[in-house]
Amino acid sequence: MAFRRFIKSVLLGIPVGITFLDCVGYVARVDGISMQPALNPNSDTDYVFLSRWDVRSRNIKRGDIVSLISPKDPTQKIIKRVVGLQGDVVSTLGYKQDILRIPEGHCWVEGDHTGHSLDSNTFGPVAVGLMTARASLIVWPPERWRVLTSELPKRRQPLHIAKQTNYH
């Protein structure tokens, strides 16, 4: 009898778990120094909760930290901060154009550790379809538990902010 109950629990739990991971979010390890000091200060490894729901509901703002599929290597996921949304005009840091208007359906992402990040300054505007989730919480290590807020350094504010900020 206990075995049957266990099997029923597993058969119910697996689809619920898969649905949660697919629709709501999951915990992921963040490696590297490109997002220092927000993530991985002192070269520690942070684990963050990545909310898929925010990307699906198009609830992404300037300053959000997002996970996305790398435009350079589709087998790799990267984590960066959204600096600009479609229609915004941004100043770039070493891209082929010093000033750029972000095309429709795209965003501009950068690592917080300027000069130590492969980001839009390397590969240009990123299609919003490559975004997979928004980092909302640091969940490990315990001494770093906190909510990740949408902060954009003043030096990286867009030169012009487009009126429509939602992406489609």
N, C-alpha and C. Protein backbone atom coordinates (compact mmCIF):
# COMPACT_ATOMS: atom_id res chain seq x y z
N MET A 1 0.82 -1.19 0.00
CA MET A 1 0.00 0.00 0.00
C MET A 1 0.86 1.26 0.00
N ALA A 2 1.91 1.27 0.83
CA ALA A 2 2.80 2.44 0.88
C ALA A 2 3.53 2.62 -0.45
N PHE A 3 3.86 1.49 -1.09
CA PHE A 3 4.54 1.57 -2.37
C PHE A 3 3.65 2.21 -3.43
N ARG A 4 2.36 1.85 -3.44
CA ARG A 4 1.42 2.44 -4.41
C ARG A 4 1.28 3.95 -4.18
N ARG A 5 1.22 4.35 -2.92
CA ARG A 5 1.12 5.77 -2.60
C ARG A 5 2.37 6.51 -3.07
N PHE A 6 3.53 5.87 -2.87
CA PHE A 6 4.79 6.47 -3.32
C PHE A 6 4.79 6.64 -4.84
N ILE A 7 4.39 5.63 -5.57
CA ILE A 7 4.34 5.69 -7.03
C ILE A 7 3.38 6.80 -7.48
N LYS A 8 2.21 6.89 -6.87
CA LYS A 8 1.26 7.95 -7.21
C LYS A 8 1.86 9.33 -6.96
N SER A 9 2.56 9.47 -5.84
CA SER A 9 3.20 10.76 -5.53
C SER A 9 4.25 11.13 -6.57
N VAL A 10 5.05 10.15 -6.96
CA VAL A 10 6.08 10.39 -7.97
C VAL A 10 5.44 10.75 -9.31
N LEU A 11 4.42 9.99 -9.70
CA LEU A 11 3.77 10.24 -10.98
C LEU A 11 3.08 11.61 -11.02
N LEU A 12 2.61 12.08 -9.89
CA LEU A 12 2.01 13.41 -9.82
C LEU A 12 3.08 14.48 -9.66
N GLY A 13 4.11 14.19 -8.88
CA GLY A 13 5.15 15.17 -8.59
C GLY A 13 6.02 15.53 -9.77
N ILE A 14 6.32 14.57 -10.63
CA ILE A 14 7.18 14.85 -11.78
C ILE A 14 6.56 15.88 -12.72
N PRO A 15 5.31 15.72 -13.17
CA PRO A 15 4.74 16.75 -14.05
C PRO A 15 4.61 18.11 -13.37
N VAL A 16 4.27 18.11 -12.08
CA VAL A 16 4.16 19.38 -11.36
C VAL A 16 5.53 20.06 -11.29
N GLY A 17 6.56 19.30 -10.99
CA GLY A 17 7.92 19.84 -10.92
C GLY A 17 8.40 20.37 -12.26
N ILE A 18 8.15 19.62 -13.32
CA ILE A 18 8.56 20.05 -14.66
C ILE A 18 7.82 21.33 -15.05
N THR A 19 6.53 21.38 -14.75
CA THR A 19 5.75 22.58 -15.06
C THR A 19 6.28 23.78 -14.30
N PHE A 20 6.61 23.59 -13.02
CA PHE A 20 7.17 24.68 -12.21
C PHE A 20 8.47 25.19 -12.83
N LEU A 21 9.39 24.28 -13.14
CA LEU A 21 10.68 24.67 -13.71
C LEU A 21 10.52 25.36 -15.07
N ASP A 22 9.55 24.90 -15.86
CA ASP A 22 9.35 25.45 -17.19
C ASP A 22 8.64 26.80 -17.17
N CYS A 23 7.69 26.97 -16.26
CA CYS A 23 6.87 28.19 -16.27
C CYS A 23 7.27 29.23 -15.23
N VAL A 24 7.67 28.79 -14.05
CA VAL A 24 7.91 29.74 -12.95
C VAL A 24 9.38 30.10 -12.84
N GLY A 25 10.24 29.14 -12.61
CA GLY A 25 11.65 29.46 -12.50
C GLY A 25 12.47 28.35 -11.89
N TYR A 26 13.76 28.61 -11.70
CA TYR A 26 14.68 27.62 -11.19
C TYR A 26 15.90 28.31 -10.60
N VAL A 27 16.70 27.56 -9.86
CA VAL A 27 17.93 28.08 -9.26
C VAL A 27 19.09 27.71 -10.18
N ALA A 28 20.00 28.68 -10.40
CA ALA A 28 21.15 28.43 -11.26
C ALA A 28 22.42 29.00 -10.62
N ARG A 29 23.53 28.36 -10.90
CA ARG A 29 24.83 28.82 -10.42
C ARG A 29 25.36 29.88 -11.38
N VAL A 30 25.94 30.93 -10.82
CA VAL A 30 26.53 32.00 -11.63
C VAL A 30 28.05 31.89 -11.51
N ASP A 31 28.71 31.68 -12.63
CA ASP A 31 30.17 31.59 -12.66
C ASP A 31 30.74 32.84 -13.30
N GLY A 32 31.98 33.15 -12.98
CA GLY A 32 32.69 34.22 -13.65
C GLY A 32 32.61 35.56 -12.93
N ILE A 33 33.34 36.53 -13.48
CA ILE A 33 33.48 37.84 -12.84
C ILE A 33 32.74 38.95 -13.58
N SER A 34 32.05 38.65 -14.66
CA SER A 34 31.47 39.71 -15.49
C SER A 34 30.38 40.51 -14.79
N MET A 35 29.75 39.95 -13.76
CA MET A 35 28.67 40.67 -13.06
C MET A 35 29.10 41.18 -11.68
N GLN A 36 30.42 41.18 -11.41
CA GLN A 36 30.88 41.74 -10.14
C GLN A 36 30.66 43.25 -10.15
N PRO A 37 30.27 43.87 -9.07
CA PRO A 37 30.16 43.35 -7.72
C PRO A 37 28.76 42.81 -7.37
N ALA A 38 27.77 42.95 -8.26
CA ALA A 38 26.41 42.50 -7.94
C ALA A 38 26.36 41.00 -7.68
N LEU A 39 27.05 40.22 -8.48
CA LEU A 39 27.09 38.76 -8.32
C LEU A 39 28.55 38.31 -8.24
N ASN A 40 28.79 37.29 -7.45
CA ASN A 40 30.12 36.71 -7.28
C ASN A 40 31.18 37.69 -6.79
N PRO A 41 30.90 38.48 -5.77
CA PRO A 41 31.96 39.35 -5.26
C PRO A 41 33.08 38.49 -4.66
N ASN A 42 34.29 38.97 -4.72
CA ASN A 42 35.45 38.23 -4.19
C ASN A 42 35.60 36.86 -4.82
N SER A 43 35.12 36.70 -6.03
CA SER A 43 35.19 35.46 -6.80
C SER A 43 34.46 34.29 -6.15
N ASP A 44 33.53 34.57 -5.23
CA ASP A 44 32.68 33.52 -4.68
C ASP A 44 31.67 33.13 -5.75
N THR A 45 31.01 32.01 -5.56
CA THR A 45 29.98 31.58 -6.50
C THR A 45 28.61 31.84 -5.88
N ASP A 46 27.78 32.60 -6.60
CA ASP A 46 26.41 32.85 -6.16
C ASP A 46 25.47 31.90 -6.89
N TYR A 47 24.37 31.56 -6.21
CA TYR A 47 23.27 30.84 -6.82
C TYR A 47 22.08 31.77 -6.80
N VAL A 48 21.42 31.93 -7.94
CA VAL A 48 20.31 32.87 -8.05
C VAL A 48 19.04 32.15 -8.48
N PHE A 49 17.89 32.72 -8.06
CA PHE A 49 16.61 32.21 -8.56
C PHE A 49 16.31 32.97 -9.84
N LEU A 50 16.12 32.23 -10.92
CA LEU A 50 15.82 32.81 -12.23
C LEU A 50 14.33 32.64 -12.50
N SER A 51 13.64 33.76 -12.63
CA SER A 51 12.19 33.76 -12.85
C SER A 51 11.88 33.75 -14.34
N ARG A 52 11.36 32.65 -14.82
CA ARG A 52 10.92 32.58 -16.22
C ARG A 52 9.65 33.39 -16.42
N TRP A 53 8.86 33.48 -15.35
CA TRP A 53 7.56 34.15 -15.43
C TRP A 53 7.71 35.60 -15.88
N ASP A 54 8.72 36.30 -15.35
CA ASP A 54 8.92 37.71 -15.70
C ASP A 54 9.21 37.90 -17.19
N VAL A 55 9.97 36.99 -17.77
CA VAL A 55 10.27 37.09 -19.21
C VAL A 55 9.03 36.76 -20.02
N ARG A 56 8.31 35.73 -19.62
CA ARG A 56 7.09 35.35 -20.36
C ARG A 56 6.02 36.43 -20.29
N SER A 57 5.95 37.12 -19.15
CA SER A 57 4.95 38.19 -19.00
C SER A 57 5.48 39.53 -19.49
N ARG A 58 6.67 39.52 -20.07
CA ARG A 58 7.30 40.72 -20.63
C ARG A 58 7.51 41.80 -19.57
N ASN A 59 7.87 41.36 -18.39
CA ASN A 59 8.08 42.26 -17.27
C ASN A 59 9.58 42.51 -17.06
N ILE A 60 10.26 42.95 -18.10
CA ILE A 60 11.69 43.23 -18.03
C ILE A 60 11.89 44.75 -18.13
N LYS A 61 12.73 45.26 -17.22
CA LYS A 61 12.99 46.70 -17.16
C LYS A 61 14.49 46.96 -17.28
N ARG A 62 14.82 48.21 -17.58
CA ARG A 62 16.21 48.61 -17.56
C ARG A 62 16.75 48.38 -16.15
N GLY A 63 17.93 47.82 -16.06
CA GLY A 63 18.54 47.54 -14.76
C GLY A 63 18.34 46.12 -14.28
N ASP A 64 17.40 45.38 -14.89
CA ASP A 64 17.19 43.98 -14.49
C ASP A 64 18.40 43.13 -14.90
N ILE A 65 18.69 42.13 -14.08
CA ILE A 65 19.70 41.14 -14.43
C ILE A 65 18.96 39.96 -15.06
N VAL A 66 19.36 39.59 -16.27
CA VAL A 66 18.66 38.54 -17.00
C VAL A 66 19.61 37.44 -17.45
N SER A 67 19.03 36.26 -17.60
CA SER A 67 19.73 35.13 -18.19
C SER A 67 19.30 35.07 -19.65
N LEU A 68 20.26 34.82 -20.53
CA LEU A 68 19.92 34.72 -21.94
C LEU A 68 20.83 33.74 -22.65
N ILE A 69 20.37 33.28 -23.77
CA ILE A 69 21.18 32.41 -24.63
C ILE A 69 22.21 33.29 -25.31
N SER A 70 23.46 32.90 -25.25
CA SER A 70 24.54 33.70 -25.84
C SER A 70 24.35 33.83 -27.35
N PRO A 71 24.38 35.06 -27.88
CA PRO A 71 24.30 35.23 -29.33
C PRO A 71 25.52 34.66 -30.05
N LYS A 72 26.64 34.51 -29.33
CA LYS A 72 27.87 33.98 -29.92
C LYS A 72 27.92 32.46 -29.90
N ASP A 73 27.32 31.85 -28.86
CA ASP A 73 27.36 30.40 -28.70
C ASP A 73 26.02 29.93 -28.14
N PRO A 74 25.10 29.48 -28.99
CA PRO A 74 23.75 29.10 -28.55
C PRO A 74 23.71 27.96 -27.53
N THR A 75 24.82 27.28 -27.30
CA THR A 75 24.84 26.22 -26.29
C THR A 75 25.14 26.77 -24.90
N GLN A 76 25.45 28.06 -24.82
CA GLN A 76 25.84 28.67 -23.55
C GLN A 76 24.80 29.70 -23.10
N LYS A 77 24.53 29.73 -21.78
CA LYS A 77 23.68 30.77 -21.21
C LYS A 77 24.58 31.78 -20.50
N ILE A 78 24.23 33.05 -20.62
CA ILE A 78 24.99 34.10 -19.97
C ILE A 78 24.03 34.92 -19.09
N ILE A 79 24.59 35.67 -18.16
CA ILE A 79 23.78 36.51 -17.30
C ILE A 79 24.33 37.92 -17.35
N LYS A 80 23.47 38.89 -17.67
CA LYS A 80 23.88 40.29 -17.87
C LYS A 80 22.79 41.22 -17.36
N ARG A 81 23.11 42.52 -17.32
CA ARG A 81 22.16 43.54 -16.90
C ARG A 81 21.59 44.24 -18.13
N VAL A 82 20.28 44.47 -18.15
CA VAL A 82 19.64 45.18 -19.25
C VAL A 82 19.94 46.68 -19.09
N VAL A 83 20.60 47.26 -20.07
CA VAL A 83 20.95 48.68 -20.05
C VAL A 83 19.93 49.49 -20.85
N GLY A 84 19.46 48.92 -21.95
CA GLY A 84 18.50 49.64 -22.80
C GLY A 84 17.53 48.69 -23.46
N LEU A 85 16.34 49.22 -23.76
CA LEU A 85 15.29 48.47 -24.44
C LEU A 85 15.07 49.04 -25.83
N GLN A 86 14.24 48.39 -26.62
CA GLN A 86 14.01 48.82 -27.99
C GLN A 86 13.67 50.31 -28.06
N GLY A 87 14.28 51.00 -29.02
CA GLY A 87 14.03 52.42 -29.21
C GLY A 87 14.93 53.32 -28.40
N ASP A 88 15.55 52.81 -27.33
CA ASP A 88 16.47 53.62 -26.53
C ASP A 88 17.73 53.92 -27.34
N VAL A 89 18.36 55.03 -27.01
CA VAL A 89 19.65 55.38 -27.60
C VAL A 89 20.69 55.21 -26.50
N VAL A 90 21.71 54.38 -26.75
CA VAL A 90 22.75 54.11 -25.75
C VAL A 90 24.12 54.50 -26.28
N SER A 91 25.00 54.86 -25.34
CA SER A 91 26.40 55.04 -25.71
C SER A 91 27.07 53.69 -25.46
N THR A 92 27.86 53.26 -26.41
CA THR A 92 28.48 51.94 -26.32
C THR A 92 29.90 52.08 -25.78
N LEU A 93 30.46 50.96 -25.39
CA LEU A 93 31.83 50.93 -24.86
C LEU A 93 32.68 50.03 -25.75
N GLY A 94 33.06 50.54 -26.92
CA GLY A 94 33.92 49.77 -27.81
C GLY A 94 33.19 49.04 -28.92
N TYR A 95 31.89 49.21 -29.04
CA TYR A 95 31.16 48.59 -30.14
C TYR A 95 31.49 49.36 -31.42
N LYS A 96 31.13 48.86 -32.58
CA LYS A 96 31.50 49.51 -33.84
C LYS A 96 30.87 50.88 -34.03
N GLN A 97 29.80 51.20 -33.28
CA GLN A 97 29.20 52.53 -33.28
C GLN A 97 29.27 53.07 -31.86
N ASP A 98 29.63 54.35 -31.71
CA ASP A 98 29.72 54.94 -30.37
C ASP A 98 28.35 55.17 -29.76
N ILE A 99 27.38 55.51 -30.61
CA ILE A 99 26.00 55.75 -30.16
C ILE A 99 25.09 54.92 -31.05
N LEU A 100 24.11 54.28 -30.43
CA LEU A 100 23.27 53.33 -31.17
C LEU A 100 21.84 53.39 -30.69
N ARG A 101 20.90 53.38 -31.62
CA ARG A 101 19.48 53.24 -31.27
C ARG A 101 19.19 51.73 -31.32
N ILE A 102 18.61 51.22 -30.25
CA ILE A 102 18.34 49.79 -30.16
C ILE A 102 17.14 49.44 -31.04
N PRO A 103 17.33 48.49 -31.96
CA PRO A 103 16.24 48.13 -32.89
C PRO A 103 15.05 47.48 -32.16
N GLU A 104 13.92 47.49 -32.84
CA GLU A 104 12.71 46.87 -32.31
C GLU A 104 12.96 45.39 -32.05
N GLY A 105 12.44 44.90 -30.91
CA GLY A 105 12.59 43.50 -30.56
C GLY A 105 13.95 43.14 -29.99
N HIS A 106 14.74 44.16 -29.65
CA HIS A 106 16.09 43.92 -29.13
C HIS A 106 16.29 44.68 -27.82
N CYS A 107 17.38 44.37 -27.14
CA CYS A 107 17.78 45.10 -25.94
C CYS A 107 19.30 45.18 -25.93
N TRP A 108 19.83 46.01 -25.03
CA TRP A 108 21.27 46.16 -24.87
C TRP A 108 21.62 45.63 -23.50
N VAL A 109 22.52 44.65 -23.41
CA VAL A 109 22.89 44.05 -22.13
C VAL A 109 24.39 44.21 -21.90
N GLU A 110 24.75 44.41 -20.64
CA GLU A 110 26.15 44.55 -20.28
C GLU A 110 26.42 43.89 -18.94
N GLY A 111 27.66 43.42 -18.77
CA GLY A 111 28.10 42.95 -17.47
C GLY A 111 28.45 44.15 -16.61
N ASP A 112 28.31 44.02 -15.30
CA ASP A 112 28.63 45.13 -14.39
C ASP A 112 30.12 45.40 -14.30
N HIS A 113 30.94 44.39 -14.55
CA HIS A 113 32.39 44.52 -14.45
C HIS A 113 32.94 44.94 -15.82
N THR A 114 32.83 46.22 -16.11
CA THR A 114 33.21 46.78 -17.41
C THR A 114 34.62 46.34 -17.80
N GLY A 115 34.74 45.89 -19.03
CA GLY A 115 36.03 45.45 -19.55
C GLY A 115 36.30 43.97 -19.31
N HIS A 116 35.50 43.32 -18.48
CA HIS A 116 35.68 41.90 -18.19
C HIS A 116 34.42 41.12 -18.52
N SER A 117 33.74 41.55 -19.59
CA SER A 117 32.46 40.94 -19.92
C SER A 117 32.28 40.87 -21.43
N LEU A 118 31.83 39.72 -21.90
CA LEU A 118 31.40 39.61 -23.29
C LEU A 118 29.91 39.92 -23.29
N ASP A 119 29.56 41.07 -23.86
CA ASP A 119 28.19 41.56 -23.78
C ASP A 119 27.84 42.29 -25.06
N SER A 120 26.83 43.14 -25.02
CA SER A 120 26.41 43.86 -26.23
C SER A 120 27.51 44.73 -26.80
N ASN A 121 28.46 45.15 -25.99
CA ASN A 121 29.59 45.91 -26.52
C ASN A 121 30.47 45.07 -27.43
N THR A 122 30.32 43.75 -27.35
CA THR A 122 31.03 42.82 -28.23
C THR A 122 30.14 42.37 -29.37
N PHE A 123 28.90 41.93 -29.05
CA PHE A 123 28.05 41.33 -30.08
C PHE A 123 26.87 42.17 -30.50
N GLY A 124 26.70 43.36 -29.95
CA GLY A 124 25.63 44.26 -30.38
C GLY A 124 24.31 44.01 -29.68
N PRO A 125 23.24 44.65 -30.18
CA PRO A 125 21.92 44.47 -29.57
C PRO A 125 21.50 42.99 -29.61
N VAL A 126 20.79 42.57 -28.58
CA VAL A 126 20.40 41.16 -28.43
C VAL A 126 18.89 41.04 -28.64
N ALA A 127 18.48 40.06 -29.41
CA ALA A 127 17.05 39.80 -29.61
C ALA A 127 16.43 39.40 -28.27
N VAL A 128 15.30 40.02 -27.92
CA VAL A 128 14.66 39.71 -26.64
C VAL A 128 14.21 38.25 -26.59
N GLY A 129 14.05 37.60 -27.73
CA GLY A 129 13.70 36.19 -27.76
C GLY A 129 14.78 35.29 -27.18
N LEU A 130 16.00 35.82 -27.01
CA LEU A 130 17.08 35.03 -26.42
C LEU A 130 17.03 35.07 -24.89
N MET A 131 16.23 35.97 -24.33
CA MET A 131 16.10 36.04 -22.86
C MET A 131 15.35 34.81 -22.37
N THR A 132 15.87 34.21 -21.30
CA THR A 132 15.21 33.02 -20.74
C THR A 132 14.61 33.28 -19.37
N ALA A 133 15.19 34.20 -18.59
CA ALA A 133 14.69 34.44 -17.23
C ALA A 133 15.29 35.72 -16.66
N ARG A 134 14.67 36.21 -15.59
CA ARG A 134 15.18 37.38 -14.85
C ARG A 134 15.67 36.89 -13.49
N ALA A 135 16.89 37.29 -13.12
CA ALA A 135 17.42 36.94 -11.80
C ALA A 135 16.72 37.80 -10.76
N SER A 136 16.06 37.15 -9.80
CA SER A 136 15.29 37.92 -8.82
C SER A 136 15.83 37.82 -7.40
N LEU A 137 16.53 36.74 -7.07
CA LEU A 137 17.03 36.55 -5.70
C LEU A 137 18.38 35.87 -5.72
N ILE A 138 19.25 36.24 -4.78
CA ILE A 138 20.44 35.43 -4.51
C ILE A 138 20.01 34.47 -3.41
N VAL A 139 20.10 33.16 -3.67
CA VAL A 139 19.63 32.17 -2.71
C VAL A 139 20.76 31.43 -2.00
N TRP A 140 21.99 31.56 -2.51
CA TRP A 140 23.12 30.92 -1.85
C TRP A 140 24.38 31.66 -2.23
N PRO A 141 25.31 31.86 -1.36
CA PRO A 141 25.41 31.43 0.02
C PRO A 141 24.49 32.23 0.95
N PRO A 142 24.16 31.67 2.11
CA PRO A 142 23.20 32.30 3.02
C PRO A 142 23.54 33.73 3.41
N GLU A 143 24.82 34.03 3.57
CA GLU A 143 25.19 35.40 3.97
C GLU A 143 24.93 36.42 2.86
N ARG A 144 24.62 35.96 1.65
CA ARG A 144 24.34 36.86 0.53
C ARG A 144 22.86 36.87 0.14
N TRP A 145 22.00 36.20 0.89
CA TRP A 145 20.58 36.18 0.56
C TRP A 145 20.08 37.61 0.40
N ARG A 146 19.44 37.89 -0.74
CA ARG A 146 18.83 39.20 -0.95
C ARG A 146 18.05 39.20 -2.25
N VAL A 147 17.16 40.19 -2.34
CA VAL A 147 16.40 40.42 -3.57
C VAL A 147 17.28 41.24 -4.50
N LEU A 148 17.32 40.87 -5.76
CA LEU A 148 18.08 41.64 -6.75
C LEU A 148 17.17 42.73 -7.31
N THR A 149 17.53 43.97 -7.10
CA THR A 149 16.72 45.09 -7.56
C THR A 149 17.18 45.54 -8.94
N SER A 150 16.31 46.28 -9.61
CA SER A 150 16.63 46.83 -10.93
C SER A 150 17.41 48.12 -10.76
N GLU A 151 18.72 48.01 -10.76
CA GLU A 151 19.58 49.17 -10.60
C GLU A 151 20.43 49.32 -11.85
N LEU A 152 20.47 50.53 -12.35
CA LEU A 152 21.29 50.82 -13.52
C LEU A 152 22.26 51.93 -13.13
N PRO A 153 23.57 51.66 -13.18
CA PRO A 153 24.53 52.70 -12.82
C PRO A 153 24.32 53.97 -13.65
N LYS A 154 24.47 55.12 -13.01
CA LYS A 154 24.25 56.40 -13.71
C LYS A 154 25.10 56.52 -14.97
N ARG A 155 26.31 55.98 -14.91
CA ARG A 155 27.20 56.09 -16.07
C ARG A 155 26.71 55.26 -17.25
N ARG A 156 25.75 54.34 -17.02
CA ARG A 156 25.25 53.49 -18.10
C ARG A 156 23.79 53.76 -18.45
N GLN A 157 23.24 54.87 -18.00
CA GLN A 157 21.87 55.24 -18.36
C GLN A 157 21.80 55.48 -19.88
N PRO A 158 20.69 55.10 -20.54
CA PRO A 158 20.54 55.41 -21.96
C PRO A 158 20.58 56.93 -22.18
N LEU A 159 21.09 57.34 -23.33
CA LEU A 159 21.12 58.76 -23.67
C LEU A 159 19.72 59.29 -23.92
N HIS A 160 18.89 58.43 -24.49
CA HIS A 160 17.48 58.76 -24.75
C HIS A 160 16.66 57.51 -24.46
N ILE A 161 15.60 57.68 -23.68
CA ILE A 161 14.73 56.55 -23.35
C ILE A 161 13.49 56.61 -24.23
N ALA A 162 13.22 55.52 -24.93
CA ALA A 162 12.05 55.46 -25.81
C ALA A 162 10.77 55.51 -24.98
N LYS A 163 9.71 56.07 -25.58
CA LYS A 163 8.44 56.16 -24.87
C LYS A 163 7.84 54.80 -24.59
N GLN A 164 7.86 53.92 -25.56
CA GLN A 164 7.33 52.57 -25.34
C GLN A 164 8.48 51.70 -24.86
N THR A 165 8.34 51.13 -23.65
CA THR A 165 9.42 50.33 -23.09
C THR A 165 9.11 48.84 -23.07
N ASN A 166 7.92 48.43 -23.42
CA ASN A 166 7.62 47.00 -23.45
C ASN A 166 8.12 46.42 -24.76
N TYR A 167 8.62 45.21 -24.70
CA TYR A 167 9.02 44.54 -25.93
C TYR A 167 7.91 43.57 -26.33
N HIS A 168 7.87 43.25 -27.60
CA HIS A 168 6.82 42.34 -28.11
C HIS A 168 7.43 41.16 -28.79
